[in-house]
C-alpha atoms as a PDB file:
ATOM      1  CA  MET A   1      -0.054  -0.085  -0.017  1.00  0.00           C
ATOM      2  CA  LYS A   2       1.490   3.109  -1.022  1.00  0.00           C
ATOM      3  CA  MET A   3       0.885   6.452   0.854  1.00  0.00           C
ATOM      4  CA  THR A   4       2.742   9.647   1.900  1.00  0.00           C
ATOM      5  CA  ILE A   5       4.428  10.266   5.365  1.00  0.00           C
ATOM      6  CA  LYS A   6       1.689  12.751   6.115  1.00  0.00           C
ATOM      7  CA  GLU A   7      -0.952  10.314   5.238  1.00  0.00           C
ATOM      8  CA  LEU A   8       0.967   7.688   7.542  1.00  0.00           C
ATOM      9  CA  LEU A   9       1.014  10.221  10.335  1.00  0.00           C
ATOM     10  CA  ASN A  10      -2.810  10.805   9.919  1.00  0.00           C
ATOM     11  CA  LYS A  11      -3.425   7.065   9.796  1.00  0.00           C
ATOM     12  CA  GLN A  12      -1.283   6.205  12.893  1.00  0.00           C
ATOM     13  CA  VAL A  13      -3.287   8.658  15.011  1.00  0.00           C
ATOM     14  CA  SER A  14      -6.537   6.951  13.908  1.00  0.00           C
ATOM     15  CA  LEU A  15      -5.173   3.435  14.398  1.00  0.00           C
ATOM     16  CA  SER A  16      -3.957   4.325  17.912  1.00  0.00           C
ATOM     17  CA  LYS A  17      -7.651   5.231  18.709  1.00  0.00           C
ATOM     18  CA  ILE A  18      -8.965   2.105  17.208  1.00  0.00           C
ATOM     19  CA  LEU A  19      -6.802  -0.005  18.924  1.00  0.00           C
ATOM     20  CA  THR A  20      -7.996   1.099  22.380  1.00  0.00           C
ATOM     21  CA  LYS A  21     -11.518  -0.184  21.683  1.00  0.00           C
ATOM     22  CA  ASP A  22     -12.813  -3.723  22.069  1.00  0.00           C
ATOM     23  CA  LEU A  23     -12.399  -5.615  18.952  1.00  0.00           C
ATOM     24  CA  PRO A  24     -13.211  -8.818  17.781  1.00  0.00           C
ATOM     25  CA  PHE A  25     -10.225 -10.991  18.371  1.00  0.00           C
ATOM     26  CA  LYS A  26      -9.495 -11.530  14.483  1.00  0.00           C
ATOM     27  CA  ALA A  27      -9.946  -7.737  14.071  1.00  0.00           C
ATOM     28  CA  ALA A  28      -7.658  -7.026  16.826  1.00  0.00           C
ATOM     29  CA  TYR A  29      -5.075  -9.150  15.601  1.00  0.00           C
ATOM     30  CA  ARG A  30      -5.075  -7.666  12.009  1.00  0.00           C
ATOM     31  CA  MET A  31      -5.147  -4.240  13.596  1.00  0.00           C
ATOM     32  CA  ARG A  32      -2.253  -5.107  15.666  1.00  0.00           C
ATOM     33  CA  LYS A  33      -0.056  -6.264  12.581  1.00  0.00           C
ATOM     34  CA  ILE A  34      -0.921  -3.285  10.908  1.00  0.00           C
ATOM     35  CA  ALA A  35       0.094  -1.100  13.779  1.00  0.00           C
ATOM     36  CA  ASP A  36       3.321  -2.927  14.132  1.00  0.00           C
ATOM     37  CA  LYS A  37       4.057  -2.089  10.443  1.00  0.00           C
ATOM     38  CA  ILE A  38       3.258   1.484  10.716  1.00  0.00           C
ATOM     39  CA  LEU A  39       5.396   1.727  14.059  1.00  0.00           C
ATOM     40  CA  GLN A  40       8.488   0.511  12.122  1.00  0.00           C
ATOM     41  CA  GLU A  41       8.005   2.953   9.593  1.00  0.00           C
ATOM     42  CA  MET A  42       7.153   5.808  12.391  1.00  0.00           C
ATOM     43  CA  LYS A  43      10.406   4.982  14.118  1.00  0.00           C
ATOM     44  CA  GLN A  44      12.462   5.876  10.700  1.00  0.00           C
ATOM     45  CA  VAL A  45      10.185   8.943  10.556  1.00  0.00           C
ATOM     46  CA  ASP A  46      10.999   9.979  14.007  1.00  0.00           C
ATOM     47  CA  LYS A  47      14.684   9.616  13.345  1.00  0.00           C
ATOM     48  CA  ILE A  48      14.801  11.972  10.494  1.00  0.00           C
ATOM     49  CA  ARG A  49      12.541  14.343  12.485  1.00  0.00           C
ATOM     50  CA  GLU A  50      15.301  14.164  15.323  1.00  0.00           C
ATOM     51  CA  GLU A  51      18.091  14.808  12.641  1.00  0.00           C
ATOM     52  CA  MET A  52      16.226  17.821  11.369  1.00  0.00           C
ATOM     53  CA  ILE A  53      15.759  19.329  15.030  1.00  0.00           C
ATOM     54  CA  LYS A  54      19.703  18.738  15.482  1.00  0.00           C
ATOM     55  CA  LYS A  55      20.406  20.511  12.250  1.00  0.00           C
ATOM     56  CA  TYR A  56      18.042  23.400  12.689  1.00  0.00           C
ATOM     57  CA  GLY A  57      17.888  23.798  16.494  1.00  0.00           C
ATOM     58  CA  THR A  58      19.939  25.073  19.301  1.00  0.00           C
ATOM     59  CA  LYS A  59      20.949  23.484  22.735  1.00  0.00           C
ATOM     60  CA  ASN A  60      19.649  25.251  25.761  1.00  0.00           C
ATOM     61  CA  GLU A  61      21.353  25.327  29.158  1.00  0.00           C
ATOM     62  CA  GLU A  62      19.823  22.191  29.891  1.00  0.00           C
ATOM     63  CA  GLY A  63      21.367  20.397  26.923  1.00  0.00           C
ATOM     64  CA  GLN A  64      18.101  20.155  25.025  1.00  0.00           C
ATOM     65  CA  ILE A  65      17.747  20.921  21.309  1.00  0.00           C
ATOM     66  CA  SER A  66      14.933  22.859  19.971  1.00  0.00           C
ATOM     67  CA  VAL A  67      14.135  25.231  16.900  1.00  0.00           C
ATOM     68  CA  THR A  68      13.348  28.557  18.239  1.00  0.00           C
ATOM     69  CA  GLU A  69      14.831  31.211  15.914  1.00  0.00           C
ATOM     70  CA  PRO A  70      12.464  32.490  13.385  1.00  0.00           C
ATOM     71  CA  LYS A  71      14.753  31.796  10.395  1.00  0.00           C
ATOM     72  CA  GLN A  72      15.549  28.434  11.571  1.00  0.00           C
ATOM     73  CA  ILE A  73      11.952  27.640  12.382  1.00  0.00           C
ATOM     74  CA  LYS A  74      11.011  28.311   8.785  1.00  0.00           C
ATOM     75  CA  LEU A  75      13.820  26.266   7.364  1.00  0.00           C
ATOM     76  CA  TYR A  76      12.590  23.425   9.681  1.00  0.00           C
ATOM     77  CA  ASN A  77       9.087  23.622   8.501  1.00  0.00           C
ATOM     78  CA  ASP A  78       9.830  23.991   4.905  1.00  0.00           C
ATOM     79  CA  THR A  79      12.111  21.095   4.939  1.00  0.00           C
ATOM     80  CA  TRP A  80       9.471  18.881   7.019  1.00  0.00           C
ATOM     81  CA  LEU A  81       6.690  19.968   4.782  1.00  0.00           C
ATOM     82  CA  GLU A  82       8.699  18.721   1.810  1.00  0.00           C
ATOM     83  CA  PHE A  83       9.787  15.466   3.647  1.00  0.00           C
ATOM     84  CA  VAL A  84       6.047  14.321   4.508  1.00  0.00           C
ATOM     85  CA  LYS A  85       5.335  14.579   0.924  1.00  0.00           C
ATOM     86  CA  GLU A  86       7.591  11.533   0.543  1.00  0.00           C
ATOM     87  CA  GLU A  87       5.710   8.467  -0.869  1.00  0.00           C
ATOM     88  CA  ILE A  88       6.395   5.122   1.009  1.00  0.00           C
ATOM     89  CA  GLU A  89       5.095   1.547   0.698  1.00  0.00           C
ATOM     90  CA  ILE A  90       3.864  -0.665   3.392  1.00  0.00           C
ATOM     91  CA  LYS A  91       2.562  -4.079   3.011  1.00  0.00           C
ATOM     92  CA  ILE A  92      -0.526  -4.587   4.707  1.00  0.00           C
ATOM     93  CA  GLU A  93      -2.997  -7.430   4.937  1.00  0.00           C
ATOM     94  CA  LYS A  94      -6.688  -5.602   4.841  1.00  0.00           C
ATOM     95  CA  ILE A  95      -9.122  -6.258   7.351  1.00  0.00           C
ATOM     96  CA  PRO A  96     -12.508  -7.752   6.434  1.00  0.00           C
ATOM     97  CA  PHE A  97     -15.162  -5.193   6.790  1.00  0.00           C
ATOM     98  CA  GLU A  98     -17.408  -7.264   8.902  1.00  0.00           C
ATOM     99  CA  CYS A  99     -14.596  -7.633  11.495  1.00  0.00           C
ATOM    100  CA  LEU A 100     -15.326  -4.188  12.477  1.00  0.00           C
ATOM    101  CA  ASP A 101     -19.186  -4.716  12.790  1.00  0.00           C
ATOM    102  CA  GLY A 102     -20.365  -3.061  15.808  1.00  0.00           C
ATOM    103  CA  ILE A 103     -17.432  -0.769  16.323  1.00  0.00           C
ATOM    104  CA  GLU A 104     -18.129   2.933  16.920  1.00  0.00           C
ATOM    105  CA  LEU A 105     -15.687   5.083  14.915  1.00  0.00           C
ATOM    106  CA  SER A 106     -15.900   8.692  13.898  1.00  0.00           C
ATOM    107  CA  ALA A 107     -15.996   9.740  10.317  1.00  0.00           C
ATOM    108  CA  MET A 108     -12.403  10.696  10.276  1.00  0.00           C
ATOM    109  CA  ASP A 109     -11.099   7.840  11.722  1.00  0.00           C
ATOM    110  CA  VAL A 110     -12.937   5.702   9.095  1.00  0.00           C
ATOM    111  CA  ALA A 111     -11.554   8.017   6.428  1.00  0.00           C
ATOM    112  CA  ASN A 112      -7.878   7.575   7.722  1.00  0.00           C
ATOM    113  CA  VAL A 113      -8.057   3.811   7.963  1.00  0.00           C
ATOM    114  CA  PHE A 114     -10.411   2.964   5.209  1.00  0.00           C
ATOM    115  CA  GLU A 115      -7.420   1.847   2.917  1.00  0.00           C
ATOM    116  CA  PHE A 116      -6.898  -0.891   5.521  1.00  0.00           C
ATOM    117  CA  ILE A 117     -10.306  -2.352   5.359  1.00  0.00           C
ATOM    118  CA  ALA A 118     -11.309  -4.654   2.512  1.00  0.00           C
ATOM    119  CA  GLU A 119     -14.625  -3.759   0.855  1.00  0.00           C
ATOM    120  CA  GLU A 120     -17.783  -5.429   1.735  1.00  0.00           C
ATOM    121  CA  VAL A 121     -18.500  -8.165  -0.860  1.00  0.00           C
ATOM    122  CA  VAL A 122     -22.251  -7.602  -1.809  1.00  0.00           C
ATOM    123  CA  GLU A 123     -23.672 -10.639  -3.646  1.00  0.00           C
ATOM    124  CA  PRO A 124     -26.313  -9.593  -6.454  1.00  0.00           C
ATOM    125  CA  LYS A 125     -29.822 -10.219  -5.328  1.00  0.00           C
ATOM    126  CA  LYS A 126     -31.577 -13.194  -7.201  1.00  0.00           C
ATOM    127  CA  THR A 127     -35.076 -12.007  -8.867  1.00  0.00           C
ATOM    128  CA  ASN A 128     -37.728 -14.307  -9.665  1.00  0.00           C
ATOM    129  CA  LYS A 129     -38.331 -13.284 -13.269  1.00  0.00           C
ATOM    130  CA  GLU A 130     -40.464 -15.776 -15.437  1.00  0.00           C
ATOM    131  CA  GLY A 131     -39.504 -16.479 -18.963  1.00  0.00           C
END
């Protein structure tokens, strides 16, 4: 599944909310697998973010690095906004729609994790037409 890093960040937030809900075991297992793959990717994103903070930030008296100078904030933000446009690919096994039956989710959460859900297969209704 291809997505940008920005999309990944949004999906991670919604997935975290879903993981706090009581799910059927099958759905919980699949969600956990998806979360683990996203977490692996998020670790890489965090490493880059930390490198950017080191590059554009300055150390304070306690030794903590932060980006505080207006010029550096702009450079950091511009670099970050360009970075999150990067497209990545994560191999994910979709969750059957029926596994999430009865789970209450916000419209935003559904939109963010929609790609993780296998669409419901609707069988055509048979009609009794004669002749």
